[in-house]
Amino acid sequence: MYSDDLLTTILKSVRTIAMVGASPKWVRPSNFAMKYLQGKGYRVIPVNPGQAGSEILGETVYGSLGDIADTFDMVDIFRNSEAAGPIVDEAIELAQVKGISVIWMQLGVINEEACKRAEAAGLMVIMDRCPKIEYARLFSELGWAGINTGIISSKRPKLRA
């Protein structure tokens, strides 16, 4: 559904990500994704109303996107599909002020109506994908973990008769 070129362009242009649904628990996927993306040079700002004012991986947690003082390029949604709608609406309202250009909904998060609203407002939308997984796949890091991505191979191609 999304070309590798599009995903690569997004991941190369984005520098600051607001992660809605970030968890302080190290076993949660959002925490792992946040730590990984920080390690790749992204600033990831956690958004979690229940944790507002505390810290996750060295970053202050905010209660909502509107509470974040700094600008950010992308909103990464680690919430369910239904909850994604109001988050997208808030991002649309803040897009001009905060510099938001991308809405990224995590694996399993699909909200077609919210997607249409965001695209109508000029935002780029990715659904049902994980930026951590896509980064690792597109920048050939999965191969280091022994996963066959099919992108690069040291094997010689089989000759056809």
C-alpha atoms as a PDB file:
ATOM      1  CA  MET A   1       0.000   0.000   0.000  1.00  0.00           C
ATOM      2  CA  TYR A   2       2.893   2.378   0.722  1.00  0.00           C
ATOM      3  CA  SER A   3       5.964   2.441  -1.487  1.00  0.00           C
ATOM      4  CA  ASP A   4       9.399   1.966   0.004  1.00  0.00           C
ATOM      5  CA  ASP A   5      10.383   5.312  -1.517  1.00  0.00           C
ATOM      6  CA  LEU A   6       7.560   7.085   0.332  1.00  0.00           C
ATOM      7  CA  LEU A   7       8.421   5.469   3.676  1.00  0.00           C
ATOM      8  CA  THR A   8      12.132   6.185   3.190  1.00  0.00           C
ATOM      9  CA  THR A   9      11.409   9.827   2.352  1.00  0.00           C
ATOM     10  CA  ILE A  10       9.314  10.205   5.509  1.00  0.00           C
ATOM     11  CA  LEU A  11      11.875   8.529   7.748  1.00  0.00           C
ATOM     12  CA  LYS A  12      14.691  10.675   6.311  1.00  0.00           C
ATOM     13  CA  SER A  13      12.784  13.962   6.623  1.00  0.00           C
ATOM     14  CA  VAL A  14      11.252  13.544  10.080  1.00  0.00           C
ATOM     15  CA  ARG A  15      13.436  14.484  13.070  1.00  0.00           C
ATOM     16  CA  THR A  16      10.994  14.899  15.972  1.00  0.00           C
ATOM     17  CA  ILE A  17       8.135  12.515  16.738  1.00  0.00           C
ATOM     18  CA  ALA A  18       5.284  12.888  19.219  1.00  0.00           C
ATOM     19  CA  MET A  19       4.438   9.335  20.325  1.00  0.00           C
ATOM     20  CA  VAL A  20       0.867   9.125  21.591  1.00  0.00           C
ATOM     21  CA  GLY A  21       0.431   6.126  23.870  1.00  0.00           C
ATOM     22  CA  ALA A  22       4.073   5.907  24.923  1.00  0.00           C
ATOM     23  CA  SER A  23       4.538   3.600  27.893  1.00  0.00           C
ATOM     24  CA  PRO A  24       7.090   3.756  30.717  1.00  0.00           C
ATOM     25  CA  LYS A  25       7.050  -0.061  30.890  1.00  0.00           C
ATOM     26  CA  TRP A  26      10.115  -1.437  29.113  1.00  0.00           C
ATOM     27  CA  VAL A  27       8.206  -4.544  27.936  1.00  0.00           C
ATOM     28  CA  ARG A  28       5.633  -2.532  25.977  1.00  0.00           C
ATOM     29  CA  PRO A  29       6.106  -2.130  22.205  1.00  0.00           C
ATOM     30  CA  SER A  30       5.833   1.675  22.418  1.00  0.00           C
ATOM     31  CA  ASN A  31       8.747   1.815  24.870  1.00  0.00           C
ATOM     32  CA  PHE A  32      10.890  -0.426  22.692  1.00  0.00           C
ATOM     33  CA  ALA A  33      10.031   1.562  19.549  1.00  0.00           C
ATOM     34  CA  MET A  34      10.746   4.850  21.333  1.00  0.00           C
ATOM     35  CA  LYS A  35      14.146   3.649  22.541  1.00  0.00           C
ATOM     36  CA  TYR A  36      15.049   2.326  19.090  1.00  0.00           C
ATOM     37  CA  LEU A  37      14.055   5.555  17.317  1.00  0.00           C
ATOM     38  CA  GLN A  38      15.982   7.638  19.869  1.00  0.00           C
ATOM     39  CA  GLY A  39      19.010   5.480  19.099  1.00  0.00           C
ATOM     40  CA  LYS A  40      18.641   6.384  15.422  1.00  0.00           C
ATOM     41  CA  GLY A  41      18.792  10.105  16.176  1.00  0.00           C
ATOM     42  CA  TYR A  42      15.109  10.979  16.399  1.00  0.00           C
ATOM     43  CA  ARG A  43      13.756  13.001  19.266  1.00  0.00           C
ATOM     44  CA  VAL A  44      10.665  11.180  20.519  1.00  0.00           C
ATOM     45  CA  ILE A  45       8.298  13.131  22.758  1.00  0.00           C
ATOM     46  CA  PRO A  46       6.018  10.826  24.779  1.00  0.00           C
ATOM     47  CA  VAL A  47       2.311  11.650  25.101  1.00  0.00           C
ATOM     48  CA  ASN A  48       0.338   9.772  27.756  1.00  0.00           C
ATOM     49  CA  PRO A  49      -2.259  11.535  29.939  1.00  0.00           C
ATOM     50  CA  GLY A  50      -1.790   9.043  32.774  1.00  0.00           C
ATOM     51  CA  GLN A  51       1.964   9.707  32.901  1.00  0.00           C
ATOM     52  CA  ALA A  52       1.977  13.485  32.243  1.00  0.00           C
ATOM     53  CA  GLY A  53       4.777  15.261  34.079  1.00  0.00           C
ATOM     54  CA  SER A  54       6.914  12.151  34.533  1.00  0.00           C
ATOM     55  CA  GLU A  55       9.707  10.992  32.234  1.00  0.00           C
ATOM     56  CA  ILE A  56      10.019   8.159  29.762  1.00  0.00           C
ATOM     57  CA  LEU A  57      13.497   7.418  28.426  1.00  0.00           C
ATOM     58  CA  GLY A  58      14.743  10.872  29.419  1.00  0.00           C
ATOM     59  CA  GLU A  59      11.887  12.830  27.833  1.00  0.00           C
ATOM     60  CA  THR A  60       9.127  14.661  29.699  1.00  0.00           C
ATOM     61  CA  VAL A  61       5.707  13.084  29.168  1.00  0.00           C
ATOM     62  CA  TYR A  62       2.847  15.325  28.024  1.00  0.00           C
ATOM     63  CA  GLY A  63      -0.887  14.807  28.482  1.00  0.00           C
ATOM     64  CA  SER A  64      -1.825  15.780  24.927  1.00  0.00           C
ATOM     65  CA  LEU A  65      -0.285  16.988  21.682  1.00  0.00           C
ATOM     66  CA  GLY A  66      -1.372  20.532  22.505  1.00  0.00           C
ATOM     67  CA  ASP A  67       0.620  20.484  25.747  1.00  0.00           C
ATOM     68  CA  ILE A  68       3.924  20.028  23.910  1.00  0.00           C
ATOM     69  CA  ALA A  69       5.789  23.360  23.764  1.00  0.00           C
ATOM     70  CA  ASP A  70       8.180  22.345  20.976  1.00  0.00           C
ATOM     71  CA  THR A  71       7.444  21.673  17.326  1.00  0.00           C
ATOM     72  CA  PHE A  72       7.393  18.124  15.959  1.00  0.00           C
ATOM     73  CA  ASP A  73       7.197  16.632  12.476  1.00  0.00           C
ATOM     74  CA  MET A  74       5.230  13.456  13.037  1.00  0.00           C
ATOM     75  CA  VAL A  75       2.557  12.000  15.316  1.00  0.00           C
ATOM     76  CA  ASP A  76       3.044   8.264  15.957  1.00  0.00           C
ATOM     77  CA  ILE A  77      -0.182   6.739  17.331  1.00  0.00           C
ATOM     78  CA  PHE A  78       0.149   3.766  19.699  1.00  0.00           C
ATOM     79  CA  ARG A  79      -3.581   3.660  20.506  1.00  0.00           C
ATOM     80  CA  ASN A  80      -6.451   1.633  19.076  1.00  0.00           C
ATOM     81  CA  SER A  81      -8.177   2.505  15.791  1.00  0.00           C
ATOM     82  CA  GLU A  82     -11.151   4.205  17.459  1.00  0.00           C
ATOM     83  CA  ALA A  83      -8.934   6.380  19.681  1.00  0.00           C
ATOM     84  CA  ALA A  84      -6.893   7.397  16.647  1.00  0.00           C
ATOM     85  CA  GLY A  85      -9.734   9.600  15.335  1.00  0.00           C
ATOM     86  CA  PRO A  86      -9.651  12.268  18.066  1.00  0.00           C
ATOM     87  CA  ILE A  87      -5.832  12.197  18.083  1.00  0.00           C
ATOM     88  CA  VAL A  88      -5.780  12.842  14.345  1.00  0.00           C
ATOM     89  CA  ASP A  89      -8.297  15.671  14.773  1.00  0.00           C
ATOM     90  CA  GLU A  90      -6.070  17.287  17.405  1.00  0.00           C
ATOM     91  CA  ALA A  91      -3.048  16.898  15.109  1.00  0.00           C
ATOM     92  CA  ILE A  92      -4.953  18.536  12.241  1.00  0.00           C
ATOM     93  CA  GLU A  93      -5.789  21.538  14.473  1.00  0.00           C
ATOM     94  CA  LEU A  94      -2.147  21.856  15.562  1.00  0.00           C
ATOM     95  CA  ALA A  95      -0.467  21.061  12.234  1.00  0.00           C
ATOM     96  CA  GLN A  96       0.319  24.638  11.227  1.00  0.00           C
ATOM     97  CA  VAL A  97       1.478  25.721  14.674  1.00  0.00           C
ATOM     98  CA  LYS A  98       3.521  22.628  15.538  1.00  0.00           C
ATOM     99  CA  GLY A  99       4.898  21.798  12.085  1.00  0.00           C
ATOM    100  CA  ILE A 100       3.189  18.410  11.841  1.00  0.00           C
ATOM    101  CA  SER A 101       3.378  16.893   8.362  1.00  0.00           C
ATOM    102  CA  VAL A 102       2.911  13.153   9.030  1.00  0.00           C
ATOM    103  CA  ILE A 103       0.412  11.038  10.964  1.00  0.00           C
ATOM    104  CA  TRP A 104       1.665   7.484  11.482  1.00  0.00           C
ATOM    105  CA  MET A 105      -0.700   4.868  12.918  1.00  0.00           C
ATOM    106  CA  GLN A 106       0.963   1.785  14.376  1.00  0.00           C
ATOM    107  CA  LEU A 107       0.451  -1.862  13.453  1.00  0.00           C
ATOM    108  CA  GLY A 108      -3.224  -2.767  13.661  1.00  0.00           C
ATOM    109  CA  VAL A 109      -4.320   0.873  13.838  1.00  0.00           C
ATOM    110  CA  ILE A 110      -6.525   1.732  10.864  1.00  0.00           C
ATOM    111  CA  ASN A 111      -9.025   4.590  10.794  1.00  0.00           C
ATOM    112  CA  GLU A 112     -10.061   5.415   7.229  1.00  0.00           C
ATOM    113  CA  GLU A 113     -12.242   8.393   8.198  1.00  0.00           C
ATOM    114  CA  ALA A 114      -9.456   9.990  10.237  1.00  0.00           C
ATOM    115  CA  CYS A 115      -7.077   9.320   7.356  1.00  0.00           C
ATOM    116  CA  LYS A 116      -9.380  11.134   4.914  1.00  0.00           C
ATOM    117  CA  ARG A 117      -9.667  14.136   7.253  1.00  0.00           C
ATOM    118  CA  ALA A 118      -5.894  14.343   7.695  1.00  0.00           C
ATOM    119  CA  GLU A 119      -5.159  14.009   3.996  1.00  0.00           C
ATOM    120  CA  ALA A 120      -7.776  16.678   3.229  1.00  0.00           C
ATOM    121  CA  ALA A 121      -5.867  18.940   5.648  1.00  0.00           C
ATOM    122  CA  GLY A 122      -2.635  18.298   3.709  1.00  0.00           C
ATOM    123  CA  LEU A 123      -1.051  15.771   6.054  1.00  0.00           C
ATOM    124  CA  MET A 124       0.602  12.557   4.949  1.00  0.00           C
ATOM    125  CA  VAL A 125      -0.887   9.458   6.600  1.00  0.00           C
ATOM    126  CA  ILE A 126       0.581   5.991   7.114  1.00  0.00           C
ATOM    127  CA  MET A 127      -1.603   3.313   8.733  1.00  0.00           C
ATOM    128  CA  ASP A 128      -0.956  -0.198  10.043  1.00  0.00           C
ATOM    129  CA  ARG A 129       2.830   0.146   9.970  1.00  0.00           C
ATOM    130  CA  CYS A 130       5.565   0.666  12.556  1.00  0.00           C
ATOM    131  CA  PRO A 131       8.286   3.269  11.920  1.00  0.00           C
ATOM    132  CA  LYS A 132      10.774   1.197  13.943  1.00  0.00           C
ATOM    133  CA  ILE A 133      10.167  -1.891  11.796  1.00  0.00           C
ATOM    134  CA  GLU A 134      10.163   0.116   8.571  1.00  0.00           C
ATOM    135  CA  TYR A 135      13.386   1.888   9.520  1.00  0.00           C
ATOM    136  CA  ALA A 136      15.098  -1.422  10.235  1.00  0.00           C
ATOM    137  CA  ARG A 137      13.800  -2.949   6.992  1.00  0.00           C
ATOM    138  CA  LEU A 138      14.525  -0.014   4.698  1.00  0.00           C
ATOM    139  CA  PHE A 139      17.956   0.805   6.095  1.00  0.00           C
ATOM    140  CA  SER A 140      19.082  -2.861   6.000  1.00  0.00           C
ATOM    141  CA  GLU A 141      19.302  -3.370   9.744  1.00  0.00           C
ATOM    142  CA  LEU A 142      17.156  -6.491   9.809  1.00  0.00           C
ATOM    143  CA  GLY A 143      19.895  -8.387   7.966  1.00  0.00           C
ATOM    144  CA  TRP A 144      22.213  -7.875  10.939  1.00  0.00           C
ATOM    145  CA  ALA A 145      19.696  -9.764  13.064  1.00  0.00           C
ATOM    146  CA  GLY A 146      19.767 -12.748  10.698  1.00  0.00           C
ATOM    147  CA  ILE A 147      16.441 -11.956   9.053  1.00  0.00           C
ATOM    148  CA  ASN A 148      16.266 -12.491   5.309  1.00  0.00           C
ATOM    149  CA  THR A 149      14.924  -9.226   3.944  1.00  0.00           C
ATOM    150  CA  GLY A 150      15.649 -10.129   0.347  1.00  0.00           C
ATOM    151  CA  ILE A 151      17.232  -6.713  -0.168  1.00  0.00           C
ATOM    152  CA  ILE A 152      20.890  -7.739  -0.165  1.00  0.00           C
ATOM    153  CA  SER A 153      22.325 -11.212  -0.517  1.00  0.00           C
ATOM    154  CA  SER A 154      25.819 -12.654  -0.540  1.00  0.00           C
ATOM    155  CA  LYS A 155      24.586 -15.690  -2.467  1.00  0.00           C
ATOM    156  CA  ARG A 156      25.164 -15.935  -6.162  1.00  0.00           C
ATOM    157  CA  PRO A 157      22.001 -15.943  -8.241  1.00  0.00           C
ATOM    158  CA  LYS A 158      20.990 -19.299  -9.649  1.00  0.00           C
ATOM    159  CA  LEU A 159      21.665 -19.589 -13.353  1.00  0.00           C
ATOM    160  CA  ARG A 160      18.741 -20.498 -15.510  1.00  0.00           C
ATOM    161  CA  ALA A 161      19.241 -23.231 -18.076  1.00  0.00           C
END
